[in-house]
Every structure is written in structure tokens, then in C-alpha cells.
Amino acid sequence: MTRLWLPFTVADLPTAVTFYRDRLGLPVVDGWRRDGEEGVVLGAESAFIELVTPEAPRPAPIAFEVSDVDAIFARMRPSTEELVAAPHRYPRGHHGFEVRGPAGATVMVWSER
């Protein structure tokens, strides 16, 4: 199964959570506070919206949660120009990689495993 994650960095997390949770009605499904970062994940059918503060130095990637990161990486065989980050373990523990999509946006492919 592949699930879409839409991460956003925000300067005012409580205001953003109020908008998506209270006004739009999306349920909070996860949250964290660690190493100066705070975040909340909200569910939206088969997608998730992830709100993170503090604001990141670059735009957050479009993210796809998959069951087998390494198989997707092998199938994609990204070129040197496309590859942003080879498969590795991220600070919050998930495994994934990042590539530049055809429209220039960074695309993250990841798994909790």
C-alpha cells in the first residue's frame, strides 16, 4: 500500500492545528516534540497532513509511505541529477530516500521499517 503524506512547515503550530483539526475536522493521528522540533500528523482519508515547526530551511518534500523502500529505489534507479538523498535512516527513525520529481518538487519515499 502507498499512502500520500503532505508535510508543511509552519511558524505557528497551534494555529495550523486549530485550522485543520477544529475547522476542517481532520483527526490528529500522531504527534511529537523532540530536539527543538514539534509536529502533528492529521488523517485525511488515505492521505496524511504533517505539520512541523520550526520552519525548515527548504520546502518540505511530497512524501509517499510505502512498504518496501529499497524495492522502489531499485525500480526507480534515479540518476545523479534526480537523487537528493540515497536510502538512509532519518533522525525520527524512518527509512527512505528523496528524489527530484519531474516538476522540480522533492519527493520522499519512506517507510517506518
C-alpha atoms as a PDB file:
ATOM      1  CA  MET A   1       0.000   0.000   0.000  1.00  0.00           C
ATOM      2  CA  THR A   2       1.203   3.505  -0.802  1.00  0.00           C
ATOM      3  CA  ARG A   3      -0.049   6.454   1.244  1.00  0.00           C
ATOM      4  CA  LEU A   4       0.422  10.127   0.431  1.00  0.00           C
ATOM      5  CA  TRP A   5       1.909  12.440   3.091  1.00  0.00           C
ATOM      6  CA  LEU A   6       1.729  16.208   2.643  1.00  0.00           C
ATOM      7  CA  PRO A   7       4.226  17.798   5.041  1.00  0.00           C
ATOM      8  CA  PHE A   8       4.156  21.514   5.770  1.00  0.00           C
ATOM      9  CA  THR A   9       6.495  23.527   7.921  1.00  0.00           C
ATOM     10  CA  VAL A  10       4.657  26.171   9.894  1.00  0.00           C
ATOM     11  CA  ALA A  11       5.701  29.058  12.113  1.00  0.00           C
ATOM     12  CA  ASP A  12       2.600  28.778  14.346  1.00  0.00           C
ATOM     13  CA  LEU A  13       1.736  25.129  15.003  1.00  0.00           C
ATOM     14  CA  PRO A  14      -1.256  25.720  17.348  1.00  0.00           C
ATOM     15  CA  THR A  15      -2.972  27.956  14.770  1.00  0.00           C
ATOM     16  CA  ALA A  16      -2.334  25.424  11.982  1.00  0.00           C
ATOM     17  CA  VAL A  17      -3.644  22.544  14.114  1.00  0.00           C
ATOM     18  CA  THR A  18      -6.757  24.545  15.002  1.00  0.00           C
ATOM     19  CA  PHE A  19      -7.442  25.155  11.313  1.00  0.00           C
ATOM     20  CA  TYR A  20      -7.027  21.540  10.153  1.00  0.00           C
ATOM     21  CA  ARG A  21      -8.387  19.770  13.260  1.00  0.00           C
ATOM     22  CA  ASP A  22     -11.114  22.065  14.559  1.00  0.00           C
ATOM     23  CA  ARG A  23     -12.253  23.913  11.472  1.00  0.00           C
ATOM     24  CA  LEU A  24     -11.707  21.286   8.754  1.00  0.00           C
ATOM     25  CA  GLY A  25     -12.426  18.308  11.036  1.00  0.00           C
ATOM     26  CA  LEU A  26      -9.316  16.186  10.400  1.00  0.00           C
ATOM     27  CA  PRO A  27      -8.397  13.848  13.269  1.00  0.00           C
ATOM     28  CA  VAL A  28      -4.951  14.018  14.886  1.00  0.00           C
ATOM     29  CA  VAL A  29      -3.302  10.601  14.432  1.00  0.00           C
ATOM     30  CA  ASP A  30       0.216  11.298  15.748  1.00  0.00           C
ATOM     31  CA  GLY A  31       2.378  13.975  17.298  1.00  0.00           C
ATOM     32  CA  TRP A  32       5.842  14.549  18.728  1.00  0.00           C
ATOM     33  CA  ARG A  33       8.138  17.048  20.418  1.00  0.00           C
ATOM     34  CA  ARG A  34      11.868  16.315  20.236  1.00  0.00           C
ATOM     35  CA  ASP A  35      15.171  18.127  19.686  1.00  0.00           C
ATOM     36  CA  GLY A  36      13.525  21.528  19.165  1.00  0.00           C
ATOM     37  CA  GLU A  37      11.053  20.155  16.627  1.00  0.00           C
ATOM     38  CA  GLU A  38       7.338  19.731  17.216  1.00  0.00           C
ATOM     39  CA  GLY A  39       4.892  18.114  14.844  1.00  0.00           C
ATOM     40  CA  VAL A  40       1.377  16.822  14.398  1.00  0.00           C
ATOM     41  CA  VAL A  41       0.021  14.368  11.818  1.00  0.00           C
ATOM     42  CA  LEU A  42      -3.620  14.612  10.775  1.00  0.00           C
ATOM     43  CA  GLY A  43      -5.548  11.973   8.825  1.00  0.00           C
ATOM     44  CA  ALA A  44      -7.432  12.716   5.619  1.00  0.00           C
ATOM     45  CA  GLU A  45      -8.930   9.520   4.143  1.00  0.00           C
ATOM     46  CA  SER A  46      -5.907   7.728   2.541  1.00  0.00           C
ATOM     47  CA  ALA A  47      -3.535  10.689   2.967  1.00  0.00           C
ATOM     48  CA  PHE A  48      -1.923  12.495   5.869  1.00  0.00           C
ATOM     49  CA  ILE A  49      -1.079  16.132   6.515  1.00  0.00           C
ATOM     50  CA  GLU A  50       2.035  16.583   8.644  1.00  0.00           C
ATOM     51  CA  LEU A  51       2.593  19.965  10.306  1.00  0.00           C
ATOM     52  CA  VAL A  52       6.090  20.641  11.654  1.00  0.00           C
ATOM     53  CA  THR A  53       7.746  23.562  13.400  1.00  0.00           C
ATOM     54  CA  PRO A  54      10.211  25.238  13.295  1.00  0.00           C
ATOM     55  CA  GLU A  55      10.216  26.183   9.657  1.00  0.00           C
ATOM     56  CA  ALA A  56      12.726  24.190   7.644  1.00  0.00           C
ATOM     57  CA  PRO A  57      15.463  25.797   5.542  1.00  0.00           C
ATOM     58  CA  ARG A  58      13.952  24.246   2.392  1.00  0.00           C
ATOM     59  CA  PRO A  59      10.417  23.326   1.356  1.00  0.00           C
ATOM     60  CA  ALA A  60       9.167  20.036   2.781  1.00  0.00           C
ATOM     61  CA  PRO A  61       9.024  17.165   0.279  1.00  0.00           C
ATOM     62  CA  ILE A  62       5.903  15.476  -1.023  1.00  0.00           C
ATOM     63  CA  ALA A  63       6.083  12.115   0.757  1.00  0.00           C
ATOM     64  CA  PHE A  64       4.859   8.627  -0.074  1.00  0.00           C
ATOM     65  CA  GLU A  65       4.791   5.933   2.613  1.00  0.00           C
ATOM     66  CA  VAL A  66       5.478   2.521   1.051  1.00  0.00           C
ATOM     67  CA  SER A  67       6.067  -0.993   2.350  1.00  0.00           C
ATOM     68  CA  ASP A  68       9.430  -1.619   0.600  1.00  0.00           C
ATOM     69  CA  VAL A  69      11.657   1.449   0.157  1.00  0.00           C
ATOM     70  CA  ASP A  70      14.591  -0.479  -1.277  1.00  0.00           C
ATOM     71  CA  ALA A  71      12.467  -2.165  -3.962  1.00  0.00           C
ATOM     72  CA  ILE A  72      11.076   1.218  -5.071  1.00  0.00           C
ATOM     73  CA  PHE A  73      14.602   2.706  -5.136  1.00  0.00           C
ATOM     74  CA  ALA A  74      15.866  -0.220  -7.253  1.00  0.00           C
ATOM     75  CA  ARG A  75      12.937   0.133  -9.652  1.00  0.00           C
ATOM     76  CA  MET A  76      13.338   3.922  -9.982  1.00  0.00           C
ATOM     77  CA  ARG A  77      17.146   3.868 -10.438  1.00  0.00           C
ATOM     78  CA  PRO A  78      17.349   7.665 -10.022  1.00  0.00           C
ATOM     79  CA  SER A  79      20.047   9.493 -11.943  1.00  0.00           C
ATOM     80  CA  THR A  80      22.677  11.575 -10.150  1.00  0.00           C
ATOM     81  CA  GLU A  81      20.733  14.720 -11.139  1.00  0.00           C
ATOM     82  CA  GLU A  82      17.485  13.332  -9.686  1.00  0.00           C
ATOM     83  CA  LEU A  83      18.893  11.932  -6.432  1.00  0.00           C
ATOM     84  CA  VAL A  84      18.573  14.276  -3.438  1.00  0.00           C
ATOM     85  CA  ALA A  85      19.277  11.700  -0.688  1.00  0.00           C
ATOM     86  CA  ALA A  86      20.099   7.991  -1.102  1.00  0.00           C
ATOM     87  CA  PRO A  87      18.282   5.450   1.110  1.00  0.00           C
ATOM     88  CA  HIS A  88      19.154   6.084   4.741  1.00  0.00           C
ATOM     89  CA  ARG A  89      17.705   6.233   8.262  1.00  0.00           C
ATOM     90  CA  TYR A  90      16.193   9.657   9.090  1.00  0.00           C
ATOM     91  CA  PRO A  91      16.555  11.241  12.578  1.00  0.00           C
ATOM     92  CA  ARG A  92      12.998  10.249  13.575  1.00  0.00           C
ATOM     93  CA  GLY A  93      13.757   6.600  12.701  1.00  0.00           C
ATOM     94  CA  HIS A  94      12.095   6.033   9.346  1.00  0.00           C
ATOM     95  CA  HIS A  95      13.952   4.639   6.302  1.00  0.00           C
ATOM     96  CA  GLY A  96      13.738   6.347   2.934  1.00  0.00           C
ATOM     97  CA  PHE A  97      15.214   8.366   0.107  1.00  0.00           C
ATOM     98  CA  GLU A  98      14.499  11.607  -1.763  1.00  0.00           C
ATOM     99  CA  VAL A  99      14.492  12.448  -5.472  1.00  0.00           C
ATOM    100  CA  ARG A 100      13.569  15.456  -7.599  1.00  0.00           C
ATOM    101  CA  GLY A 101      10.236  14.916  -9.314  1.00  0.00           C
ATOM    102  CA  PRO A 102       9.566  15.968 -12.904  1.00  0.00           C
ATOM    103  CA  ALA A 103       8.141  19.339 -11.805  1.00  0.00           C
ATOM    104  CA  GLY A 104      11.146  20.044  -9.572  1.00  0.00           C
ATOM    105  CA  ALA A 105       9.497  19.221  -6.234  1.00  0.00           C
ATOM    106  CA  THR A 106      11.411  16.974  -3.851  1.00  0.00           C
ATOM    107  CA  VAL A 107       9.685  13.601  -3.454  1.00  0.00           C
ATOM    108  CA  MET A 108      10.391  11.431  -0.393  1.00  0.00           C
ATOM    109  CA  VAL A 109       9.724   7.683  -0.453  1.00  0.00           C
ATOM    110  CA  TRP A 110       9.787   6.222   3.065  1.00  0.00           C
ATOM    111  CA  SER A 111       8.708   3.511   5.475  1.00  0.00           C
ATOM    112  CA  GLU A 112       8.573   3.176   9.260  1.00  0.00           C
ATOM    113  CA  ARG A 113      10.625  -0.046   8.874  1.00  0.00           C
END
